[in-house]
Amino acid sequence: AVALWFIWHAGWTISVKWWVSGLLSGIVVVLALMVHQAVVRPLRTLSSPLAALREGDFSIKVRGARPDDPLGQLMEEFNGLTENLREHRMTAMEASALLRKVLEEIEVAIFTFDHRKRLRLTNRAGERLLGRTMERLQGLGAEQLGLSECLEGESARVREMTFPGGTGR
């Protein structure tokens, strides 16, 4: 705008003023498009991996990150986050596999419930006690299974209970 003001207040002919104004305007438009492309393209590059991250795919890495650039630093942080989430998922999977293995070997019926008192996991002894497979038990409520009394009250207590697969303490 300042350059255009100087051009139009200079002592040039009208055709020179129009020609220089057009050239200057063209340069401004080209520079604006270049800046737009420089900003939008990396943001689009980052939006796809973020969508994959939201869907649980932690194997995505963003390339082309430059540590001297704020957007590059964002990309490096994204890569660090995906690595951290991948490690947490692997640790959780390993812990879950270990828990399942331990539960399979224990001859005591063990039941795990979620916050809504729905069965999430049991072992073979629990399946035998309830007379059903884990596939048929999973997601059923504690009340449906006859275990709601066990989830309420004091933790340390012994109860005599009867189930389809047996009776016991």
N, C-alpha and C. Protein backbone atom coordinates (compact mmCIF):
# COMPACT_ATOMS: atom_id res chain seq x y z
N ALA A 1 0.83 -1.18 0.00
CA ALA A 1 0.00 0.00 0.00
C ALA A 1 0.88 1.25 0.00
N VAL A 2 1.95 1.23 0.77
CA VAL A 2 2.86 2.39 0.83
C VAL A 2 3.55 2.57 -0.53
N ALA A 3 3.96 1.46 -1.12
CA ALA A 3 4.62 1.54 -2.42
C ALA A 3 3.66 2.09 -3.47
N LEU A 4 2.41 1.63 -3.45
CA LEU A 4 1.43 2.15 -4.39
C LEU A 4 1.20 3.65 -4.18
N TRP A 5 1.17 4.09 -2.94
CA TRP A 5 1.01 5.52 -2.65
C TRP A 5 2.15 6.32 -3.26
N PHE A 6 3.41 5.80 -3.08
CA PHE A 6 4.56 6.50 -3.65
C PHE A 6 4.52 6.50 -5.18
N ILE A 7 4.08 5.37 -5.75
CA ILE A 7 3.99 5.29 -7.23
C ILE A 7 3.01 6.33 -7.76
N TRP A 8 1.85 6.42 -7.13
CA TRP A 8 0.81 7.32 -7.64
C TRP A 8 1.09 8.78 -7.32
N HIS A 9 1.98 9.05 -6.40
CA HIS A 9 2.34 10.43 -6.10
C HIS A 9 3.68 10.83 -6.74
N ALA A 10 4.25 9.92 -7.50
CA ALA A 10 5.49 10.24 -8.22
C ALA A 10 5.14 11.03 -9.48
N GLY A 11 6.08 11.60 -10.09
CA GLY A 11 5.85 12.43 -11.27
C GLY A 11 5.88 11.64 -12.57
N TRP A 12 5.55 10.36 -12.55
CA TRP A 12 5.58 9.55 -13.75
C TRP A 12 4.31 9.72 -14.57
N THR A 13 4.37 9.23 -15.80
CA THR A 13 3.18 9.28 -16.65
C THR A 13 2.19 8.23 -16.15
N ILE A 14 0.94 8.42 -16.55
CA ILE A 14 -0.13 7.53 -16.08
C ILE A 14 0.09 6.09 -16.52
N SER A 15 0.61 5.88 -17.74
CA SER A 15 0.85 4.51 -18.23
C SER A 15 1.95 3.83 -17.41
N VAL A 16 2.98 4.56 -17.03
CA VAL A 16 4.05 3.99 -16.20
C VAL A 16 3.49 3.65 -14.81
N LYS A 17 2.65 4.55 -14.25
CA LYS A 17 2.06 4.30 -12.94
C LYS A 17 1.22 3.01 -12.96
N TRP A 18 0.40 2.83 -14.02
CA TRP A 18 -0.42 1.62 -14.13
C TRP A 18 0.46 0.38 -14.30
N TRP A 19 1.48 0.47 -15.13
CA TRP A 19 2.35 -0.67 -15.39
C TRP A 19 3.09 -1.07 -14.12
N VAL A 20 3.67 -0.13 -13.39
CA VAL A 20 4.40 -0.43 -12.15
C VAL A 20 3.44 -0.92 -11.07
N SER A 21 2.24 -0.33 -11.00
CA SER A 21 1.24 -0.79 -10.01
C SER A 21 0.81 -2.22 -10.30
N GLY A 22 0.61 -2.54 -11.58
CA GLY A 22 0.24 -3.91 -11.96
C GLY A 22 1.35 -4.90 -11.63
N LEU A 23 2.59 -4.52 -11.92
CA LEU A 23 3.73 -5.38 -11.61
C LEU A 23 3.84 -5.60 -10.11
N LEU A 24 3.72 -4.55 -9.35
CA LEU A 24 3.80 -4.65 -7.88
C LEU A 24 2.66 -5.52 -7.34
N SER A 25 1.45 -5.31 -7.85
CA SER A 25 0.30 -6.11 -7.41
C SER A 25 0.51 -7.58 -7.75
N GLY A 26 1.03 -7.86 -8.92
CA GLY A 26 1.32 -9.24 -9.31
C GLY A 26 2.33 -9.90 -8.38
N ILE A 27 3.37 -9.16 -8.04
CA ILE A 27 4.39 -9.68 -7.12
C ILE A 27 3.77 -9.98 -5.76
N VAL A 28 2.91 -9.08 -5.27
CA VAL A 28 2.25 -9.29 -3.97
C VAL A 28 1.37 -10.53 -4.01
N VAL A 29 0.61 -10.73 -5.09
CA VAL A 29 -0.26 -11.90 -5.21
C VAL A 29 0.57 -13.18 -5.24
N VAL A 30 1.65 -13.20 -6.02
CA VAL A 30 2.52 -14.39 -6.10
C VAL A 30 3.13 -14.70 -4.73
N LEU A 31 3.61 -13.68 -4.03
CA LEU A 31 4.18 -13.89 -2.70
C LEU A 31 3.12 -14.40 -1.71
N ALA A 32 1.91 -13.85 -1.81
CA ALA A 32 0.83 -14.31 -0.92
C ALA A 32 0.51 -15.78 -1.18
N LEU A 33 0.47 -16.18 -2.46
CA LEU A 33 0.21 -17.58 -2.79
C LEU A 33 1.34 -18.49 -2.30
N MET A 34 2.57 -18.01 -2.40
CA MET A 34 3.71 -18.80 -1.93
C MET A 34 3.66 -18.98 -0.41
N VAL A 35 3.32 -17.91 0.30
CA VAL A 35 3.20 -18.01 1.76
C VAL A 35 2.06 -18.94 2.14
N HIS A 36 0.93 -18.81 1.45
CA HIS A 36 -0.21 -19.69 1.70
C HIS A 36 0.18 -21.15 1.51
N GLN A 37 0.87 -21.44 0.41
CA GLN A 37 1.30 -22.81 0.12
C GLN A 37 2.29 -23.30 1.17
N ALA A 38 3.18 -22.43 1.61
CA ALA A 38 4.18 -22.81 2.61
C ALA A 38 3.55 -23.12 3.96
N VAL A 39 2.40 -22.53 4.26
CA VAL A 39 1.72 -22.78 5.52
C VAL A 39 0.74 -23.94 5.40
N VAL A 40 -0.06 -23.96 4.36
CA VAL A 40 -1.12 -24.95 4.22
C VAL A 40 -0.58 -26.35 3.97
N ARG A 41 0.41 -26.49 3.14
CA ARG A 41 0.93 -27.81 2.78
C ARG A 41 1.45 -28.59 4.00
N PRO A 42 2.28 -28.01 4.85
CA PRO A 42 2.71 -28.76 6.03
C PRO A 42 1.56 -29.07 6.99
N LEU A 43 0.59 -28.18 7.09
CA LEU A 43 -0.55 -28.46 7.96
C LEU A 43 -1.38 -29.62 7.43
N ARG A 44 -1.54 -29.68 6.11
CA ARG A 44 -2.23 -30.83 5.51
C ARG A 44 -1.43 -32.10 5.72
N THR A 45 -0.10 -31.98 5.63
CA THR A 45 0.77 -33.12 5.86
C THR A 45 0.59 -33.65 7.27
N LEU A 46 0.37 -32.77 8.23
CA LEU A 46 0.22 -33.17 9.62
C LEU A 46 -1.19 -33.64 9.94
N SER A 47 -2.20 -33.21 9.19
CA SER A 47 -3.58 -33.59 9.50
C SER A 47 -3.84 -35.07 9.26
N SER A 48 -3.26 -35.67 8.22
CA SER A 48 -3.47 -37.10 7.95
C SER A 48 -2.91 -37.98 9.06
N PRO A 49 -1.67 -37.76 9.50
CA PRO A 49 -1.18 -38.58 10.61
C PRO A 49 -1.97 -38.37 11.90
N LEU A 50 -2.49 -37.16 12.12
CA LEU A 50 -3.31 -36.94 13.31
C LEU A 50 -4.60 -37.76 13.24
N ALA A 51 -5.18 -37.85 12.07
CA ALA A 51 -6.39 -38.68 11.89
C ALA A 51 -6.05 -40.14 12.15
N ALA A 52 -4.91 -40.60 11.66
CA ALA A 52 -4.49 -41.99 11.91
C ALA A 52 -4.26 -42.22 13.40
N LEU A 53 -3.69 -41.24 14.06
CA LEU A 53 -3.44 -41.34 15.51
C LEU A 53 -4.76 -41.45 16.26
N ARG A 54 -5.75 -40.65 15.86
CA ARG A 54 -7.07 -40.70 16.48
C ARG A 54 -7.71 -42.08 16.32
N GLU A 55 -7.42 -42.75 15.20
CA GLU A 55 -7.99 -44.07 14.94
C GLU A 55 -7.17 -45.19 15.56
N GLY A 56 -6.09 -44.84 16.27
CA GLY A 56 -5.31 -45.84 16.99
C GLY A 56 -4.12 -46.39 16.23
N ASP A 57 -3.77 -45.82 15.10
CA ASP A 57 -2.60 -46.25 14.34
C ASP A 57 -1.40 -45.44 14.80
N PHE A 58 -0.52 -46.07 15.59
CA PHE A 58 0.63 -45.37 16.15
C PHE A 58 1.90 -45.65 15.35
N SER A 59 1.78 -46.24 14.19
CA SER A 59 2.97 -46.55 13.38
C SER A 59 3.36 -45.42 12.44
N ILE A 60 2.54 -44.39 12.35
CA ILE A 60 2.78 -43.27 11.44
C ILE A 60 3.89 -42.38 11.98
N LYS A 61 4.79 -41.98 11.10
CA LYS A 61 5.82 -40.99 11.43
C LYS A 61 5.72 -39.87 10.41
N VAL A 62 5.94 -38.64 10.87
CA VAL A 62 5.94 -37.48 9.98
C VAL A 62 7.38 -37.19 9.60
N ARG A 63 7.64 -37.09 8.29
CA ARG A 63 8.99 -36.82 7.83
C ARG A 63 9.12 -35.38 7.36
N GLY A 64 10.35 -34.94 7.24
CA GLY A 64 10.61 -33.60 6.74
C GLY A 64 10.60 -32.55 7.83
N ALA A 65 10.70 -32.99 9.07
CA ALA A 65 10.70 -32.04 10.18
C ALA A 65 12.06 -31.37 10.30
N ARG A 66 12.05 -30.04 10.36
CA ARG A 66 13.28 -29.28 10.56
C ARG A 66 13.28 -28.72 11.98
N PRO A 67 14.30 -29.03 12.76
CA PRO A 67 14.31 -28.61 14.17
C PRO A 67 14.40 -27.09 14.37
N ASP A 68 14.81 -26.34 13.34
CA ASP A 68 14.94 -24.88 13.48
C ASP A 68 13.64 -24.15 13.15
N ASP A 69 12.59 -24.88 12.85
CA ASP A 69 11.33 -24.34 12.39
C ASP A 69 10.22 -24.73 13.39
N PRO A 70 9.34 -23.81 13.79
CA PRO A 70 8.28 -24.17 14.74
C PRO A 70 7.40 -25.32 14.25
N LEU A 71 7.09 -25.35 12.97
CA LEU A 71 6.30 -26.45 12.43
C LEU A 71 7.10 -27.74 12.49
N GLY A 72 8.40 -27.66 12.24
CA GLY A 72 9.27 -28.83 12.35
C GLY A 72 9.32 -29.35 13.77
N GLN A 73 9.35 -28.43 14.73
CA GLN A 73 9.33 -28.84 16.13
C GLN A 73 8.02 -29.53 16.47
N LEU A 74 6.90 -29.03 15.90
CA LEU A 74 5.61 -29.68 16.10
C LEU A 74 5.63 -31.09 15.54
N MET A 75 6.22 -31.26 14.36
CA MET A 75 6.31 -32.58 13.75
C MET A 75 7.17 -33.52 14.60
N GLU A 76 8.27 -33.02 15.15
CA GLU A 76 9.10 -33.84 16.01
C GLU A 76 8.36 -34.24 17.28
N GLU A 77 7.59 -33.32 17.85
CA GLU A 77 6.78 -33.65 19.03
C GLU A 77 5.72 -34.69 18.68
N PHE A 78 5.13 -34.58 17.49
CA PHE A 78 4.15 -35.57 17.05
C PHE A 78 4.81 -36.95 16.97
N ASN A 79 6.00 -37.01 16.37
CA ASN A 79 6.71 -38.28 16.27
C ASN A 79 7.03 -38.84 17.66
N GLY A 80 7.40 -37.98 18.59
CA GLY A 80 7.66 -38.42 19.96
C GLY A 80 6.40 -38.95 20.63
N LEU A 81 5.28 -38.28 20.38
CA LEU A 81 4.01 -38.73 20.94
C LEU A 81 3.62 -40.10 20.40
N THR A 82 3.74 -40.31 19.09
CA THR A 82 3.39 -41.61 18.53
C THR A 82 4.29 -42.70 19.08
N GLU A 83 5.57 -42.41 19.26
CA GLU A 83 6.49 -43.40 19.83
C GLU A 83 6.09 -43.74 21.26
N ASN A 84 5.74 -42.72 22.03
CA ASN A 84 5.33 -42.93 23.42
C ASN A 84 4.04 -43.75 23.48
N LEU A 85 3.06 -43.42 22.65
CA LEU A 85 1.80 -44.17 22.62
C LEU A 85 2.02 -45.61 22.17
N ARG A 86 2.91 -45.82 21.20
CA ARG A 86 3.21 -47.17 20.73
C ARG A 86 3.82 -48.00 21.87
N GLU A 87 4.74 -47.38 22.63
CA GLU A 87 5.35 -48.09 23.76
C GLU A 87 4.31 -48.43 24.82
N HIS A 88 3.40 -47.48 25.10
CA HIS A 88 2.35 -47.75 26.09
C HIS A 88 1.44 -48.89 25.62
N ARG A 89 1.11 -48.89 24.34
CA ARG A 89 0.25 -49.96 23.82
C ARG A 89 0.95 -51.31 23.92
N MET A 90 2.24 -51.35 23.57
CA MET A 90 2.98 -52.61 23.67
C MET A 90 3.06 -53.09 25.12
N THR A 91 3.32 -52.17 26.03
CA THR A 91 3.39 -52.53 27.44
C THR A 91 2.05 -53.06 27.93
N ALA A 92 0.97 -52.41 27.53
CA ALA A 92 -0.37 -52.86 27.93
C ALA A 92 -0.69 -54.22 27.33
N MET A 93 -0.30 -54.44 26.08
CA MET A 93 -0.55 -55.74 25.45
C MET A 93 0.24 -56.84 26.13
N GLU A 94 1.50 -56.54 26.46
CA GLU A 94 2.32 -57.53 27.16
C GLU A 94 1.76 -57.83 28.54
N ALA A 95 1.34 -56.79 29.26
CA ALA A 95 0.76 -56.99 30.59
C ALA A 95 -0.53 -57.79 30.50
N SER A 96 -1.35 -57.48 29.50
CA SER A 96 -2.60 -58.20 29.31
C SER A 96 -2.34 -59.67 28.98
N ALA A 97 -1.36 -59.92 28.12
CA ALA A 97 -1.02 -61.31 27.77
C ALA A 97 -0.51 -62.06 29.00
N LEU A 98 0.32 -61.40 29.80
CA LEU A 98 0.82 -62.03 31.02
C LEU A 98 -0.32 -62.31 31.99
N LEU A 99 -1.23 -61.34 32.15
CA LEU A 99 -2.38 -61.54 33.04
C LEU A 99 -3.23 -62.71 32.57
N ARG A 100 -3.47 -62.78 31.27
CA ARG A 100 -4.27 -63.89 30.74
C ARG A 100 -3.58 -65.24 30.99
N LYS A 101 -2.27 -65.28 30.82
CA LYS A 101 -1.53 -66.52 31.04
C LYS A 101 -1.60 -66.93 32.51
N VAL A 102 -1.43 -65.97 33.40
CA VAL A 102 -1.52 -66.27 34.83
C VAL A 102 -2.92 -66.73 35.19
N LEU A 103 -3.93 -66.06 34.67
CA LEU A 103 -5.31 -66.44 34.96
C LEU A 103 -5.64 -67.84 34.46
N GLU A 104 -5.05 -68.23 33.33
CA GLU A 104 -5.30 -69.57 32.80
C GLU A 104 -4.74 -70.65 33.72
N GLU A 105 -3.63 -70.37 34.37
CA GLU A 105 -2.96 -71.37 35.19
C GLU A 105 -3.50 -71.48 36.61
N ILE A 106 -4.17 -70.44 37.09
CA ILE A 106 -4.68 -70.46 38.46
C ILE A 106 -5.96 -71.28 38.51
N GLU A 107 -6.07 -72.15 39.50
CA GLU A 107 -7.26 -72.99 39.64
C GLU A 107 -8.34 -72.36 40.50
N VAL A 108 -8.20 -71.10 40.79
CA VAL A 108 -9.20 -70.35 41.55
C VAL A 108 -9.95 -69.49 40.54
N ALA A 109 -11.28 -69.44 40.67
CA ALA A 109 -12.08 -68.63 39.75
C ALA A 109 -11.80 -67.15 39.99
N ILE A 110 -11.44 -66.46 38.92
CA ILE A 110 -11.16 -65.03 39.00
C ILE A 110 -12.03 -64.32 37.96
N PHE A 111 -12.67 -63.24 38.41
CA PHE A 111 -13.53 -62.46 37.53
C PHE A 111 -13.09 -61.00 37.59
N THR A 112 -13.00 -60.35 36.45
CA THR A 112 -12.70 -58.91 36.43
C THR A 112 -13.89 -58.20 35.79
N PHE A 113 -14.25 -57.07 36.42
CA PHE A 113 -15.41 -56.29 35.99
C PHE A 113 -14.98 -54.86 35.67
N ASP A 114 -15.73 -54.20 34.80
CA ASP A 114 -15.48 -52.78 34.51
C ASP A 114 -16.27 -51.92 35.48
N HIS A 115 -16.23 -50.61 35.28
CA HIS A 115 -16.91 -49.68 36.18
C HIS A 115 -18.43 -49.82 36.15
N ARG A 116 -18.98 -50.43 35.11
CA ARG A 116 -20.42 -50.63 35.02
C ARG A 116 -20.85 -52.00 35.54
N LYS A 117 -19.90 -52.70 36.18
CA LYS A 117 -20.12 -54.04 36.73
C LYS A 117 -20.44 -55.05 35.64
N ARG A 118 -19.77 -54.93 34.51
CA ARG A 118 -19.89 -55.88 33.41
C ARG A 118 -18.62 -56.73 33.37
N LEU A 119 -18.79 -58.03 33.18
CA LEU A 119 -17.64 -58.94 33.17
C LEU A 119 -16.76 -58.66 31.96
N ARG A 120 -15.46 -58.49 32.19
CA ARG A 120 -14.51 -58.25 31.12
C ARG A 120 -13.57 -59.43 30.91
N LEU A 121 -13.29 -60.17 31.99
CA LEU A 121 -12.31 -61.25 31.86
C LEU A 121 -12.53 -62.26 32.97
N THR A 122 -12.38 -63.53 32.63
CA THR A 122 -12.39 -64.60 33.63
C THR A 122 -11.44 -65.68 33.16
N ASN A 123 -11.12 -66.58 34.04
CA ASN A 123 -10.24 -67.68 33.68
C ASN A 123 -11.05 -68.96 33.48
N ARG A 124 -10.34 -70.08 33.21
CA ARG A 124 -11.04 -71.36 32.96
C ARG A 124 -11.82 -71.81 34.18
N ALA A 125 -11.25 -71.59 35.37
CA ALA A 125 -11.95 -71.98 36.59
C ALA A 125 -13.25 -71.19 36.73
N GLY A 126 -13.24 -69.91 36.36
CA GLY A 126 -14.46 -69.11 36.37
C GLY A 126 -15.47 -69.59 35.35
N GLU A 127 -14.99 -69.98 34.18
CA GLU A 127 -15.88 -70.53 33.15
C GLU A 127 -16.55 -71.81 33.66
N ARG A 128 -15.75 -72.69 34.28
CA ARG A 128 -16.31 -73.95 34.81
C ARG A 128 -17.33 -73.67 35.90
N LEU A 129 -17.01 -72.73 36.78
CA LEU A 129 -17.90 -72.41 37.89
C LEU A 129 -19.24 -71.89 37.40
N LEU A 130 -19.23 -71.03 36.37
CA LEU A 130 -20.47 -70.46 35.84
C LEU A 130 -21.10 -71.32 34.75
N GLY A 131 -20.38 -72.33 34.29
CA GLY A 131 -20.94 -73.26 33.30
C GLY A 131 -21.07 -72.68 31.91
N ARG A 132 -20.26 -71.67 31.57
CA ARG A 132 -20.30 -71.05 30.24
C ARG A 132 -18.90 -70.63 29.83
N THR A 133 -18.72 -70.45 28.51
CA THR A 133 -17.42 -70.01 28.00
C THR A 133 -17.29 -68.50 28.15
N MET A 134 -16.04 -68.02 28.07
CA MET A 134 -15.78 -66.58 28.20
C MET A 134 -16.53 -65.79 27.14
N GLU A 135 -16.63 -66.33 25.94
CA GLU A 135 -17.33 -65.64 24.86
C GLU A 135 -18.79 -65.38 25.22
N ARG A 136 -19.42 -66.32 25.92
CA ARG A 136 -20.82 -66.16 26.30
C ARG A 136 -20.98 -65.34 27.57
N LEU A 137 -19.91 -65.26 28.37
CA LEU A 137 -19.97 -64.53 29.64
C LEU A 137 -19.61 -63.06 29.49
N GLN A 138 -18.69 -62.76 28.59
CA GLN A 138 -18.16 -61.41 28.48
C GLN A 138 -19.25 -60.39 28.21
N GLY A 139 -19.24 -59.32 29.01
CA GLY A 139 -20.21 -58.23 28.84
C GLY A 139 -21.46 -58.40 29.68
N LEU A 140 -21.67 -59.58 30.29
CA LEU A 140 -22.83 -59.76 31.14
C LEU A 140 -22.63 -59.02 32.46
N GLY A 141 -23.71 -58.57 33.06
CA GLY A 141 -23.63 -57.85 34.31
C GLY A 141 -23.42 -58.77 35.49
N ALA A 142 -22.86 -58.24 36.57
CA ALA A 142 -22.61 -59.03 37.77
C ALA A 142 -23.91 -59.61 38.32
N GLU A 143 -24.98 -58.87 38.21
CA GLU A 143 -26.26 -59.36 38.70
C GLU A 143 -26.74 -60.56 37.89
N GLN A 144 -26.56 -60.52 36.57
CA GLN A 144 -26.96 -61.64 35.71
C GLN A 144 -26.16 -62.90 36.04
N LEU A 145 -24.94 -62.71 36.47
CA LEU A 145 -24.06 -63.84 36.77
C LEU A 145 -24.19 -64.33 38.21
N GLY A 146 -24.94 -63.61 39.02
CA GLY A 146 -25.08 -63.98 40.42
C GLY A 146 -23.89 -63.56 41.26
N LEU A 147 -23.13 -62.58 40.79
CA LEU A 147 -21.93 -62.13 41.49
C LEU A 147 -22.05 -60.71 42.06
N SER A 148 -23.22 -60.12 42.00
CA SER A 148 -23.35 -58.73 42.44
C SER A 148 -23.05 -58.58 43.93
N GLU A 149 -23.39 -59.61 44.75
CA GLU A 149 -23.09 -59.55 46.18
C GLU A 149 -21.59 -59.47 46.44
N CYS A 150 -20.81 -60.06 45.56
CA CYS A 150 -19.36 -60.08 45.74
C CYS A 150 -18.73 -58.72 45.46
N LEU A 151 -19.40 -57.88 44.70
CA LEU A 151 -18.85 -56.58 44.34
C LEU A 151 -19.27 -55.48 45.31
N GLU A 152 -20.12 -55.81 46.26
CA GLU A 152 -20.61 -54.81 47.19
C GLU A 152 -20.18 -55.16 48.61
N GLY A 153 -20.05 -54.15 49.43
CA GLY A 153 -19.69 -54.38 50.82
C GLY A 153 -18.19 -54.44 51.03
N GLU A 154 -17.80 -55.06 52.14
CA GLU A 154 -16.38 -55.15 52.48
C GLU A 154 -15.63 -56.05 51.51
N SER A 155 -14.36 -55.75 51.30
CA SER A 155 -13.55 -56.54 50.38
C SER A 155 -13.16 -57.89 50.98
N ALA A 156 -12.73 -57.88 52.20
CA ALA A 156 -12.24 -59.11 52.82
C ALA A 156 -13.38 -59.82 53.54
N ARG A 157 -13.98 -60.81 52.87
CA ARG A 157 -15.05 -61.61 53.47
C ARG A 157 -15.16 -62.92 52.72
N VAL A 158 -15.75 -63.90 53.35
CA VAL A 158 -15.94 -65.21 52.74
C VAL A 158 -17.44 -65.48 52.68
N ARG A 159 -17.91 -65.94 51.52
CA ARG A 159 -19.33 -66.24 51.33
C ARG A 159 -19.47 -67.64 50.75
N GLU A 160 -20.48 -68.32 51.11
CA GLU A 160 -20.83 -69.61 50.53
C GLU A 160 -21.80 -69.33 49.39
N MET A 161 -21.45 -69.77 48.16
CA MET A 161 -22.29 -69.46 47.01
C MET A 161 -22.46 -70.71 46.15
N THR A 162 -23.57 -70.75 45.40
CA THR A 162 -23.86 -71.87 44.51
C THR A 162 -23.98 -71.34 43.09
N PHE A 163 -23.30 -72.03 42.17
CA PHE A 163 -23.32 -71.68 40.76
C PHE A 163 -23.59 -72.95 39.95
N PRO A 164 -23.87 -72.81 38.65
CA PRO A 164 -24.14 -74.00 37.82
C PRO A 164 -22.99 -75.01 37.82
N GLY A 165 -21.77 -74.54 37.97
CA GLY A 165 -20.62 -75.44 37.92
C GLY A 165 -20.14 -75.92 39.28
N GLY A 166 -20.76 -75.47 40.36
CA GLY A 166 -20.34 -75.93 41.68
C GLY A 166 -20.73 -75.00 42.79
N THR A 167 -20.49 -75.50 44.01
CA THR A 167 -20.78 -74.73 45.22
C THR A 167 -19.49 -74.62 46.00
N GLY A 168 -19.32 -73.50 46.65
CA GLY A 168 -18.11 -73.35 47.45
C GLY A 168 -18.02 -72.00 48.09
N ARG A 169 -16.89 -71.80 48.74
CA ARG A 169 -16.63 -70.54 49.42
C ARG A 169 -15.94 -69.58 48.50
